[in-house]
Amino acid sequence: MSTGRLAHRSPFQWLKRADREIVTRSLEQVDLVGRADWPFRALSGGQKQRVLIARALASEPRLLVMDEPLAGVDLHSQGGLAALLGRLRDSGLGLLVVLHERGPMADILTRSITLCDGRIVDHEAPAGAACVDPPTTPDVLGLTDPIAGSIA
């Protein structure tokens, strides 16, 4: 966890009290203070993801960039992670997230850009509202079933 503070100190410098307080606050934000001493390998998928988010928060970023933050996490934990990311967004932290499926993240997204072959094929930026679902992959790719026609 304390590696999140490396950007604010030299690699050979001990953590200062302020650094330890920031690390603790980051663990509090992701509700993992009680697991601070657990080995990473002993944590569940959702807990591991929250530890990684806490480590990033310890660096005091203005923007978090995440690729599939809910991947490999059970459905119940996905909802908790999405709620956590929503709280972070509401606190003013910027989020840039790559998703293949919105799932539980749909309620916290404020802008959606759909890509196909590296090109923007759809974008939505509702004023202050969560996004609606974009066209489905078959729609975007123009996939059809040879017998039934469109598979969308």
Foldseek 3Di string as FASTA:
>chain_A
DLVLCCVVDPPPDDDDPVLVVLLCVLCVLLVNNVCVPPDLVPDALLVNLSNVSSSPVSNVDLEDEEEPSCPRPDPVSSLVVLVSVLVVVVVRRHYHYHDPDCVNVQFRDQKDFDDDPRDTPDIDHDDVGGDDDDDDPCVVVVDADPPPGRPD
